[in-house]
């Protein structure tokens, strides 16, 4: 009910809000003390002059306590001043949030003696001098003053907590994810198990005063003692039951949230009713079910599309505008696979291709590339798109060398693959229509890479790279043996090709080992 006026006040006052609202909220204690003096009139017969003297002294002492409490509260708010002044960064938001969120607890911790020092003790002494008759009267009056004090403290606590919420909501927008905020609030269980008995005690003292046929300080002492006994025995059990009723569903939600944070999207919390906590549990389950479905779609999407591309599509949408980027394209193709496909069954062909790609794709990913397209027994890998990489040529050549070695070592049955690598400008983006889109790279660099792979069949090399790629290399891959200028299909000019000497040496050694093993 008060949220909207408080939000309007915060919007109007801005950085002055916390101190202004505290300056307006703390004087509520004056009203509480005035009511306390009226309650004393239920137990003690006093003249009108005595009443006004008691009220004046009590209010004067309360003003002193309010001034001391405001001075302390303003000091406690200081860590938030940088954020309030406009320096709204994650670094300033964390101390600001801690200061404001923990203001109530800090006031209780550092200012817990102020009400007793400035209110309860001096007021009790003065009232005893005015209407009491000794030490027992002082104890009864002090007990009644303690009840008023407890009510005032809790009223200030909850009013402060409520009034700071608009400010905390604003600060929380600047908090970094995963920030360590510490324990800056009282647990809900403590609030319920302390506040409810205090309310019962106050109610009991008022009712006892109104119902008493023989009001006296003795009746006041007995009323306070009886109210405390009832509040912390019979009523306390009801308070504990209420606390468990409210907290059990919240604890289920907290545990469920922790499991979701840990990655368990199968968690569900029990729906124990149709009240607010039941509705909250139901909403939580619906939210987690939606997250689980999204994760399944993400995993399924990632099985058909490169994970990096999947993340980009989820962030930017399905239409990725074409952009011209420099990339290195790697084309790998299984040699003589057509002949194998003629001899083998369709199931055997698919099994062989899947085993081959299971070997190839992780190597591409490990070197920062992605499998852009599967073309029968060939694969198009791209380095530098969709994630831009300055060292795309180094990554592609490193992947090509590792693939060539891995294929030779993994296929003792003689299966071989040719790998062509080329660098150049392409247009990277989505193409398609009719609701079907595909991310791809288009340009002469792609076509050239495919033609370079075909040239490996002529030269007998496992890997060939173009001059364009070799000129971009910054890492040492050893010597590259130049190949004769080869006319590539679709190219008007011959292309300079190079073969890595390390692979040639390894191939010769492997051949010699095979010959030696035959004899």
Protein backbone atom coordinates (compact mmCIF):
# COMPACT_ATOMS: atom_id res chain seq x y z
CA UNK A 1 0.00 0.00 0.00
CA UNK A 2 2.88 2.37 0.85
CA UNK A 3 5.10 1.25 -2.03
CA UNK A 4 3.72 3.67 -4.60
CA UNK A 5 4.00 6.80 -2.36
CA UNK A 6 7.51 5.75 -1.34
CA UNK A 7 8.53 5.26 -4.95
CA UNK A 8 7.17 8.69 -5.84
CA UNK A 9 9.06 10.20 -2.91
CA UNK A 10 12.28 8.49 -4.00
CA UNK A 11 11.82 9.71 -7.57
CA UNK A 12 11.34 13.26 -6.31
CA UNK A 13 14.02 13.40 -3.62
CA UNK A 14 16.71 11.37 -5.38
CA UNK A 15 19.97 11.22 -3.37
CA UNK A 16 18.34 13.06 -0.45
CA UNK A 17 15.77 10.29 -0.04
CA UNK A 18 17.35 8.01 2.61
CA UNK A 19 18.19 10.78 5.07
CA UNK A 20 14.93 12.64 4.45
CA UNK A 21 12.76 9.58 4.96
CA UNK A 22 14.63 8.60 8.13
CA UNK A 23 14.19 12.12 9.48
CA UNK A 24 10.44 11.71 8.96
CA UNK A 25 10.21 8.10 10.16
CA UNK A 26 12.17 8.24 13.43
CA UNK A 27 9.86 10.81 15.09
CA UNK A 28 7.16 8.12 15.07
CA UNK A 29 8.70 7.21 18.43
CA UNK A 30 7.18 10.41 19.84
CA UNK A 31 3.71 9.13 19.00
CA UNK A 32 4.48 5.74 20.57
CA UNK A 33 5.70 7.36 23.80
CA UNK A 34 2.60 9.56 23.93
CA UNK A 35 0.43 6.44 23.68
CA UNK A 36 2.57 4.86 26.42
CA UNK A 37 1.87 7.76 28.76
CA UNK A 38 -1.86 7.37 28.01
CA UNK A 39 -1.62 3.66 28.83
CA UNK A 40 0.04 4.52 32.14
CA UNK A 41 -3.06 6.58 32.91
CA UNK A 42 -5.06 3.33 32.77
CA UNK A 43 -3.10 1.96 35.72
CA UNK A 44 -2.32 5.08 37.74
CA UNK A 45 -4.69 7.85 38.76
CA UNK A 46 -2.99 11.15 38.07
CA UNK A 47 -3.93 14.79 37.77
CA UNK A 48 -4.01 16.54 34.42
CA UNK A 49 -0.96 18.58 35.40
CA UNK A 50 0.96 15.42 36.27
CA UNK A 51 -0.03 13.89 32.95
CA UNK A 52 1.26 16.88 31.00
CA UNK A 53 4.51 16.95 32.99
CA UNK A 54 5.08 13.25 32.32
CA UNK A 55 4.30 13.71 28.64
CA UNK A 56 6.62 16.72 28.30
CA UNK A 57 9.53 14.99 30.01
CA UNK A 58 9.02 11.75 28.05
CA UNK A 59 8.82 13.56 24.72
CA UNK A 60 11.88 15.64 25.54
CA UNK A 61 13.90 12.53 26.28
CA UNK A 62 12.58 10.90 23.08
CA UNK A 63 13.71 13.90 21.02
CA UNK A 64 17.21 13.49 22.42
CA UNK A 65 17.17 9.77 21.54
CA UNK A 66 15.86 10.50 18.03
CA UNK A 67 18.66 13.02 17.44
CA UNK A 68 21.28 10.49 18.58
CA UNK A 69 19.73 7.72 16.45
CA UNK A 70 19.57 9.96 13.36
CA UNK A 71 23.22 10.97 13.82
CA UNK A 72 24.16 7.27 13.94
CA UNK A 73 21.93 6.36 10.98
CA UNK A 74 23.37 9.14 8.80
CA UNK A 75 26.89 7.88 9.54
CA UNK A 76 25.88 4.32 8.68
CA UNK A 77 24.56 5.50 5.29
CA UNK A 78 27.87 7.12 4.28
CA UNK A 79 29.14 4.09 2.28
CA UNK A 80 26.22 4.71 -0.11
CA UNK A 81 27.03 8.39 -0.70
CA UNK A 82 29.19 7.80 -3.79
CA UNK A 83 26.43 5.82 -5.46
CA UNK A 84 23.80 8.36 -4.39
CA UNK A 85 25.95 11.17 -5.80
CA UNK A 86 25.72 9.63 -9.27
CA UNK A 87 28.77 7.35 -9.40
CA UNK A 88 26.64 4.33 -10.22
CA UNK A 89 29.04 1.50 -10.92
CA UNK A 90 29.20 -2.11 -9.69
CA UNK A 91 32.10 -1.09 -7.43
CA UNK A 92 30.02 1.58 -5.65
CA UNK A 93 26.76 -0.39 -5.76
CA UNK A 94 27.99 -3.23 -3.52
CA UNK A 95 28.92 -1.08 -0.47
CA UNK A 96 25.85 1.09 -1.06
CA UNK A 97 23.57 -1.95 -1.04
CA UNK A 98 25.24 -3.37 2.07
CA UNK A 99 24.90 -0.07 3.92
CA UNK A 100 21.22 0.44 3.09
CA UNK A 101 20.12 -3.20 3.38
CA UNK A 102 21.88 -3.60 6.73
CA UNK A 103 20.82 -0.24 8.17
CA UNK A 104 18.19 -1.72 10.51
CA UNK A 105 20.56 -4.35 11.91
CA UNK A 106 23.41 -1.86 12.27
CA UNK A 107 21.11 0.51 14.16
CA UNK A 108 20.22 -2.31 16.54
CA UNK A 109 23.86 -3.35 16.88
CA UNK A 110 25.47 0.06 17.38
CA UNK A 111 22.55 1.96 18.82
CA UNK A 112 20.92 -0.70 20.96
CA UNK A 113 21.65 1.19 24.18
CA UNK A 114 20.28 4.54 23.02
CA UNK A 115 16.56 3.93 23.76
CA UNK A 116 17.29 2.47 27.17
CA UNK A 117 19.83 5.18 28.02
CA UNK A 118 17.74 8.15 26.87
CA UNK A 119 14.19 6.82 27.33
CA UNK A 120 13.43 3.76 29.43
CA UNK A 121 15.65 4.36 32.47
CA UNK A 122 15.23 8.15 32.90
CA UNK A 123 11.50 8.02 32.15
CA UNK A 124 11.00 5.18 34.61
CA UNK A 125 12.88 7.10 37.31
CA UNK A 126 10.91 10.30 36.69
CA UNK A 127 7.53 8.51 36.63
CA UNK A 128 8.41 6.71 39.86
CA UNK A 129 9.21 10.03 41.50
CA UNK A 130 5.90 11.46 40.26
CA UNK A 131 3.44 8.63 40.94
CA UNK A 132 5.38 5.72 42.45
CA UNK A 133 6.09 4.59 45.97
CA UNK A 134 9.45 2.85 46.02
CA UNK A 135 11.57 0.27 44.25
CA UNK A 136 8.73 -2.13 43.42
CA UNK A 137 6.87 0.71 41.75
CA UNK A 138 10.00 1.49 39.75
CA UNK A 139 10.20 -2.14 38.57
CA UNK A 140 6.55 -2.13 37.47
CA UNK A 141 6.97 1.18 35.66
CA UNK A 142 10.24 0.03 34.05
CA UNK A 143 8.48 -3.13 32.86
CA UNK A 144 5.75 -1.06 31.24
CA UNK A 145 8.32 1.31 29.73
CA UNK A 146 10.21 -1.69 28.32
CA UNK A 147 7.04 -2.83 26.56
CA UNK A 148 6.65 0.62 24.99
CA UNK A 149 10.35 0.58 24.09
CA UNK A 150 10.10 -2.83 22.40
CA UNK A 151 7.11 -1.69 20.36
CA UNK A 152 8.93 1.51 19.34
CA UNK A 153 12.09 -0.38 18.34
CA UNK A 154 10.21 -2.88 16.20
CA UNK A 155 8.08 -0.16 14.62
CA UNK A 156 11.23 1.79 13.71
CA UNK A 157 12.86 -1.40 12.40
CA UNK A 158 10.05 -2.29 10.01
CA UNK A 159 9.34 1.29 8.92
CA UNK A 160 13.03 1.73 8.07
CA UNK A 161 13.07 -1.57 6.18
CA UNK A 162 9.97 -0.67 4.19
CA UNK A 163 11.09 2.87 3.40
CA UNK A 164 14.48 1.73 2.06
CA UNK A 165 13.02 -0.71 -0.48
CA UNK A 166 12.72 1.74 -3.42
CA UNK A 167 16.36 2.73 -2.94
CA UNK A 168 17.52 -0.90 -2.63
CA UNK A 169 15.61 -1.83 -5.78
CA UNK A 170 17.43 0.93 -7.67
CA UNK A 171 20.85 0.01 -6.28
CA UNK A 172 20.34 -3.67 -7.08
CA UNK A 173 20.20 -2.84 -10.81
CA UNK A 174 23.90 -1.92 -10.64
CA UNK A 175 25.01 -4.93 -8.59
CA UNK A 176 27.41 -7.25 -10.43
CA UNK A 177 26.28 -10.83 -10.93
CA UNK A 178 27.41 -13.10 -8.12
CA UNK A 179 28.38 -10.24 -5.79
CA UNK A 180 29.07 -11.24 -2.19
CA UNK A 181 26.47 -9.23 -0.26
CA UNK A 182 26.94 -10.95 3.08
CA UNK A 183 24.23 -11.38 5.73
CA UNK A 184 22.61 -7.96 5.94
CA UNK A 185 19.04 -8.83 6.93
CA UNK A 186 17.38 -10.70 9.77
CA UNK A 187 15.99 -14.09 8.74
CA UNK A 188 12.23 -14.14 8.35
CA UNK A 189 11.96 -16.77 11.09
CA UNK A 190 13.62 -14.42 13.60
CA UNK A 191 11.33 -11.55 12.61
CA UNK A 192 8.23 -13.67 13.13
CA UNK A 193 9.30 -15.37 16.34
CA UNK A 194 10.30 -12.07 17.96
CA UNK A 195 7.82 -9.57 16.55
CA UNK A 196 4.68 -11.64 17.11
CA UNK A 197 5.31 -12.22 20.87
CA UNK A 198 6.10 -8.50 21.31
CA UNK A 199 2.79 -7.63 19.67
CA UNK A 200 1.05 -10.10 21.99
CA UNK A 201 2.70 -8.54 25.04
CA UNK A 202 1.66 -5.03 24.02
CA UNK A 203 -1.89 -6.21 23.35
CA UNK A 204 -2.02 -8.01 26.69
CA UNK A 205 -0.86 -4.96 28.64
CA UNK A 206 -3.45 -2.71 26.96
CA UNK A 207 -6.28 -5.19 27.50
CA UNK A 208 -5.28 -5.70 31.13
CA UNK A 209 -5.36 -1.96 31.73
CA UNK A 210 -8.75 -1.53 30.10
CA UNK A 211 -10.30 -4.51 31.88
CA UNK A 212 -8.90 -3.89 35.38
CA UNK A 213 -11.39 -2.87 38.08
CA UNK A 214 -8.59 -1.78 40.41
CA UNK A 215 -5.89 -0.03 38.33
CA UNK A 216 -2.54 0.29 40.07
CA UNK A 217 1.18 -0.06 39.49
CA UNK A 218 0.92 -3.55 40.93
CA UNK A 219 -1.70 -4.40 38.28
CA UNK A 220 0.67 -2.95 35.66
CA UNK A 221 3.52 -5.19 36.80
CA UNK A 222 1.29 -8.25 36.97
CA UNK A 223 -0.18 -7.44 33.54
CA UNK A 224 3.24 -7.11 31.93
CA UNK A 225 4.47 -10.33 33.57
CA UNK A 226 1.33 -12.24 32.58
CA UNK A 227 1.45 -10.96 29.01
CA UNK A 228 5.09 -12.01 28.69
CA UNK A 229 4.37 -15.49 30.06
CA UNK A 230 1.44 -16.02 27.70
CA UNK A 231 3.27 -14.55 24.70
CA UNK A 232 6.29 -16.81 25.10
CA UNK A 233 4.41 -20.00 26.00
CA UNK A 234 0.91 -20.48 24.59
CA UNK A 235 1.08 -17.81 21.90
CA UNK A 236 4.67 -18.64 21.03
CA UNK A 237 3.67 -22.09 19.83
CA UNK A 238 1.14 -20.50 17.48
CA UNK A 239 3.83 -18.09 16.30
CA UNK A 240 6.18 -21.01 15.66
CA UNK A 241 3.47 -22.86 13.71
CA UNK A 242 2.80 -19.75 11.63
CA UNK A 243 6.51 -19.38 11.02
CA UNK A 244 6.83 -22.97 9.82
CA UNK A 245 3.75 -22.58 7.64
CA UNK A 246 5.27 -19.58 5.87
CA UNK A 247 8.89 -20.65 5.79
CA UNK A 248 8.61 -24.29 4.69
CA UNK A 249 7.44 -23.42 1.14
CA UNK A 250 10.05 -20.64 0.95
CA UNK A 251 12.78 -23.08 1.99
CA UNK A 252 11.62 -25.47 -0.74
CA UNK A 253 11.89 -22.63 -3.25
CA UNK A 254 15.36 -21.67 -1.99
CA UNK A 255 16.62 -25.24 -2.31
CA UNK A 256 15.03 -25.52 -5.74
CA UNK A 257 16.69 -22.29 -6.83
CA UNK A 258 20.08 -23.55 -5.64
CA UNK A 259 19.64 -26.73 -7.69
CA UNK A 260 18.67 -24.72 -10.77
CA UNK A 261 21.76 -22.54 -10.26
CA UNK A 262 23.82 -25.74 -10.15
CA UNK A 263 22.33 -26.75 -13.53
CA UNK A 264 19.60 -29.19 -12.45
CA UNK A 265 16.56 -28.22 -14.50
CA UNK A 266 14.58 -31.32 -13.54
CA UNK A 267 13.90 -29.99 -10.06
CA UNK A 268 10.33 -29.23 -9.04
CA UNK A 269 9.05 -27.87 -5.72
CA UNK A 270 5.87 -29.13 -4.03
CA UNK A 271 2.76 -26.99 -4.42
CA UNK A 272 1.23 -27.04 -0.92
CA UNK A 273 -1.76 -24.77 -1.42
CA UNK A 274 -3.39 -22.03 -3.42
CA UNK A 275 -2.19 -19.14 -1.24
CA UNK A 276 0.63 -16.78 -2.21
CA UNK A 277 3.36 -19.33 -1.48
CA UNK A 278 1.49 -22.01 -3.42
CA UNK A 279 1.12 -19.70 -6.41
CA UNK A 280 4.81 -18.86 -6.15
CA UNK A 281 5.74 -22.57 -6.14
CA UNK A 282 3.52 -23.17 -9.15
CA UNK A 283 5.12 -20.26 -11.01
CA UNK A 284 8.58 -21.57 -10.11
CA UNK A 285 7.77 -24.99 -11.55
CA UNK A 286 6.43 -23.42 -14.74
CA UNK A 287 9.55 -21.28 -15.05
CA UNK A 288 11.90 -24.25 -14.59
CA UNK A 289 9.87 -26.31 -17.07
CA UNK A 290 10.31 -23.48 -19.59
CA UNK A 291 14.04 -23.36 -18.90
CA UNK A 292 14.28 -27.12 -19.31
CA UNK A 293 12.47 -26.96 -22.64
CA UNK A 294 14.72 -24.10 -23.76
CA UNK A 295 17.79 -26.10 -22.78
CA UNK A 296 16.55 -29.13 -24.74
CA UNK A 297 15.97 -26.94 -27.77
CA UNK A 298 19.40 -25.40 -27.29
CA UNK A 299 21.04 -28.82 -27.12
CA UNK A 300 19.10 -30.02 -30.15
CA UNK A 301 19.93 -26.83 -32.00
CA UNK A 302 23.59 -27.21 -31.07
CA UNK A 303 23.61 -30.73 -32.54
CA UNK A 304 22.70 -29.34 -35.97
CA UNK A 305 24.44 -25.97 -35.71
CA UNK A 306 27.85 -25.03 -34.34
CA UNK A 307 27.50 -24.12 -30.62
CA UNK A 308 29.11 -20.71 -31.15
CA UNK A 309 26.64 -19.97 -33.91
CA UNK A 310 23.77 -21.25 -31.76
CA UNK A 311 24.71 -18.79 -29.00
CA UNK A 312 24.85 -15.94 -31.49
CA UNK A 313 21.47 -16.83 -32.98
CA UNK A 314 19.92 -16.93 -29.50
CA UNK A 315 21.36 -13.49 -28.74
CA UNK A 316 20.83 -11.72 -32.09
CA UNK A 317 17.95 -13.60 -33.71
CA UNK A 318 17.78 -15.92 -36.68
CA UNK A 319 18.71 -13.36 -39.31
CA UNK A 320 22.44 -12.63 -39.14
CA UNK A 321 23.20 -9.84 -41.55
CA UNK A 322 25.97 -10.69 -44.02
CA UNK A 323 29.29 -9.07 -43.22
CA UNK A 324 32.54 -9.16 -45.13
CA UNK A 325 35.29 -10.74 -43.04
CA UNK A 326 38.67 -12.30 -43.64
CA UNK A 327 38.67 -16.00 -42.80
CA UNK A 328 40.60 -19.15 -43.47
CA UNK A 329 38.64 -21.98 -45.03
CA UNK A 330 39.61 -25.63 -44.56
CA UNK A 331 38.10 -28.20 -46.89
CA UNK A 332 38.61 -31.89 -46.12
CA UNK A 333 37.43 -34.71 -48.36
CA UNK A 334 37.80 -38.50 -48.20
CA UNK A 335 39.66 -39.86 -51.19
CA UNK A 336 38.14 -42.64 -53.31
CA UNK A 337 35.03 -42.63 -51.12
CA UNK A 338 32.73 -43.02 -54.13
CA UNK A 339 34.24 -46.41 -54.85
CA UNK A 340 33.74 -47.45 -51.23
CA UNK A 341 30.13 -46.27 -51.31
CA UNK A 342 29.46 -48.44 -54.38
CA UNK A 343 30.70 -51.56 -52.57
CA UNK A 344 29.17 -50.88 -49.13
CA UNK A 345 25.58 -50.72 -47.97
CA UNK A 346 23.94 -47.40 -47.17
CA UNK A 347 24.15 -48.16 -43.44
CA UNK A 348 27.86 -48.89 -43.70
CA UNK A 349 28.44 -45.66 -45.62
CA UNK A 350 26.65 -43.59 -42.98
CA UNK A 351 28.51 -45.36 -40.18
CA UNK A 352 31.86 -44.73 -41.84
CA UNK A 353 31.07 -41.05 -42.44
CA UNK A 354 29.88 -40.51 -38.87
CA UNK A 355 33.04 -42.15 -37.50
CA UNK A 356 35.18 -39.94 -39.75
CA UNK A 357 33.39 -36.73 -38.77
CA UNK A 358 33.51 -37.74 -35.10
CA UNK A 359 37.27 -37.66 -35.54
CA UNK A 360 37.44 -34.43 -37.55
CA UNK A 361 34.95 -32.04 -35.93
CA UNK A 362 36.46 -32.00 -32.40
CA UNK A 363 39.83 -31.06 -33.91
CA UNK A 364 38.28 -28.08 -35.70
CA UNK A 365 36.50 -26.96 -32.54
CA UNK A 366 39.61 -27.37 -30.42
CA UNK A 367 41.50 -25.01 -32.72
CA UNK A 368 38.72 -22.39 -32.69
CA UNK A 369 37.01 -23.25 -35.98
CA UNK A 370 33.62 -24.68 -36.71
CA UNK A 371 32.16 -27.23 -39.10
CA UNK A 372 30.15 -25.02 -41.40
CA UNK A 373 28.82 -27.58 -43.82
CA UNK A 374 28.86 -31.35 -44.45
CA UNK A 375 28.91 -32.15 -48.15
CA UNK A 376 28.67 -35.91 -48.56
CA UNK A 377 32.16 -37.19 -47.86
CA UNK A 378 33.54 -33.66 -47.51
CA UNK A 379 33.47 -31.04 -44.80
CA UNK A 380 33.84 -27.27 -44.94
CA UNK A 381 35.49 -25.78 -41.85
CA UNK A 382 35.75 -22.04 -41.20
CA UNK A 383 38.15 -20.15 -38.95
CA UNK A 384 37.37 -16.50 -38.25
CA UNK A 385 33.57 -16.55 -38.52
CA UNK A 386 31.12 -16.25 -36.88
CA UNK A 387 33.65 -15.54 -34.11
CA UNK A 388 36.29 -13.17 -35.40
CA UNK A 389 39.88 -14.33 -34.85
CA UNK A 390 43.00 -12.49 -35.96
CA UNK A 391 45.07 -15.71 -36.02
CA UNK A 392 42.55 -17.64 -38.15
CA UNK A 393 45.25 -18.80 -40.59
CA UNK A 394 47.46 -20.21 -37.82
CA UNK A 395 44.50 -22.03 -36.31
CA UNK A 396 43.41 -23.52 -39.62
CA UNK A 397 46.90 -24.78 -40.56
CA UNK A 398 47.41 -26.24 -37.06
CA UNK A 399 44.07 -28.05 -37.39
CA UNK A 400 44.97 -29.31 -40.89
CA UNK A 401 48.30 -30.73 -39.71
CA UNK A 402 46.72 -32.42 -36.72
CA UNK A 403 43.92 -33.85 -38.85
CA UNK A 404 46.33 -35.27 -41.43
CA UNK A 405 48.38 -36.98 -38.73
CA UNK A 406 45.32 -38.23 -36.87
CA UNK A 407 43.70 -39.69 -40.00
CA UNK A 408 46.89 -41.55 -40.95
CA UNK A 409 47.20 -42.97 -37.44
CA UNK A 410 43.51 -43.85 -37.04
CA UNK A 411 42.86 -45.55 -40.38
CA UNK A 412 45.18 -48.47 -40.90
CA UNK A 413 42.80 -49.72 -43.59
CA UNK A 414 44.20 -47.18 -46.02
CA UNK A 415 41.48 -44.51 -45.86
CA UNK A 416 43.01 -41.17 -46.76
CA UNK A 417 41.76 -37.62 -46.93
CA UNK A 418 42.90 -34.52 -48.73
CA UNK A 419 42.85 -31.16 -46.97
CA UNK A 420 42.89 -27.80 -48.75
CA UNK A 421 43.39 -24.53 -46.87
CA UNK A 422 42.88 -21.03 -48.24
CA UNK A 423 42.44 -17.54 -46.80
CA UNK A 424 40.55 -14.54 -48.09
CA UNK A 425 37.53 -12.29 -47.83
CA UNK A 426 34.09 -13.86 -47.64
CA UNK A 427 30.57 -12.74 -46.81
CA UNK A 428 29.41 -14.49 -43.62
CA UNK A 429 25.72 -14.54 -42.71
CA UNK A 430 22.43 -16.37 -43.05
CA UNK A 431 20.88 -17.23 -46.39
CA UNK A 432 17.68 -19.04 -47.24
CA UNK A 433 13.95 -18.51 -47.52
CA UNK A 434 10.58 -20.02 -46.84
CA UNK A 435 11.37 -20.28 -43.14
CA UNK A 436 14.59 -22.24 -43.73
CA UNK A 437 17.87 -20.45 -43.05
CA UNK A 438 21.49 -21.51 -43.02
CA UNK A 439 24.60 -19.74 -41.80
CA UNK A 440 27.33 -19.97 -44.38
CA UNK A 441 30.30 -18.20 -45.90
CA UNK A 442 30.25 -17.20 -49.55
CA UNK A 443 33.12 -16.01 -51.68
CA UNK A 444 35.97 -16.95 -53.94
CA UNK A 445 38.05 -18.01 -50.92
CA UNK A 446 35.61 -20.87 -50.25
CA UNK A 447 35.62 -22.10 -53.84
CA UNK A 448 39.41 -21.92 -53.95
CA UNK A 449 39.74 -24.03 -50.79
CA UNK A 450 37.62 -26.76 -52.39
CA UNK A 451 39.74 -26.64 -55.56
CA UNK A 452 42.95 -26.81 -53.47
CA UNK A 453 41.64 -29.96 -51.81
CA UNK A 454 41.05 -31.47 -55.26
CA UNK A 455 44.66 -30.58 -56.16
CA UNK A 456 45.92 -32.87 -53.36
CA UNK A 457 44.82 -35.79 -55.53
CA UNK A 458 47.19 -34.55 -58.25
CA UNK A 459 50.19 -33.78 -56.01
CA UNK A 460 49.65 -36.70 -53.62
CA UNK A 461 49.91 -34.45 -50.55
CA UNK A 462 47.64 -34.78 -47.54
CA UNK A 463 47.59 -31.01 -46.98
CA UNK A 464 47.99 -28.10 -49.37
CA UNK A 465 47.79 -24.44 -48.43
CA UNK A 466 47.67 -21.42 -50.70
CA UNK A 467 50.13 -18.56 -50.82
CA UNK A 468 47.43 -16.32 -49.30
CA UNK A 469 47.30 -18.52 -46.21
CA UNK A 470 51.08 -18.91 -45.92
CA UNK A 471 51.56 -15.14 -45.93
CA UNK A 472 49.20 -14.79 -42.93
CA UNK A 473 50.99 -17.32 -40.73
CA UNK A 474 52.65 -15.97 -37.59
CA UNK A 475 53.53 -19.29 -35.95
CA UNK A 476 56.37 -21.60 -36.95
CA UNK A 477 55.02 -24.69 -38.68
CA UNK A 478 58.35 -25.70 -40.16
CA UNK A 479 59.26 -25.61 -43.83
CA UNK A 480 56.69 -25.59 -46.62
CA UNK A 481 57.58 -27.23 -49.92
CA UNK A 482 56.34 -25.24 -52.92
CA UNK A 483 54.33 -27.09 -55.51
CA UNK A 484 54.23 -26.24 -59.17
CA UNK A 485 51.71 -23.63 -60.13
CA UNK A 486 48.45 -25.47 -60.69
CA UNK A 487 45.55 -24.36 -62.80
CA UNK A 488 42.49 -24.60 -60.56
CA UNK A 489 39.05 -25.00 -62.04
CA UNK A 490 37.27 -21.65 -62.13
CA UNK A 491 40.46 -19.63 -61.59
CA UNK A 492 41.89 -17.59 -64.46
CA UNK A 493 45.37 -17.54 -62.97
CA UNK A 494 47.42 -20.36 -61.54
CA UNK A 495 47.57 -20.55 -57.74
CA UNK A 496 50.77 -21.00 -55.74
CA UNK A 497 50.40 -24.02 -53.45
CA UNK A 498 52.59 -25.27 -50.60
CA UNK A 499 52.82 -28.58 -48.73
CA UNK A 500 54.08 -28.83 -45.14
CA UNK A 501 57.46 -30.57 -45.09
CA UNK A 502 56.79 -32.12 -41.68
CA UNK A 503 53.90 -34.17 -43.09
CA UNK A 504 55.97 -35.25 -46.08
CA UNK A 505 58.73 -36.52 -43.76
CA UNK A 506 56.21 -38.33 -41.58
CA UNK A 507 54.61 -39.93 -44.64
CA UNK A 508 58.00 -41.18 -45.91
CA UNK A 509 58.89 -42.62 -42.50
CA UNK A 510 55.49 -44.30 -42.27
CA UNK A 511 56.02 -45.82 -45.72
CA UNK A 512 59.48 -47.11 -44.82
CA UNK A 513 58.11 -48.63 -41.62
CA UNK A 514 55.37 -50.36 -43.58
CA UNK A 515 57.93 -51.79 -46.05
CA UNK A 516 60.18 -52.96 -43.21
CA UNK A 517 57.23 -54.60 -41.53
CA UNK A 518 56.38 -56.49 -44.71
CA UNK A 519 59.80 -58.16 -44.68
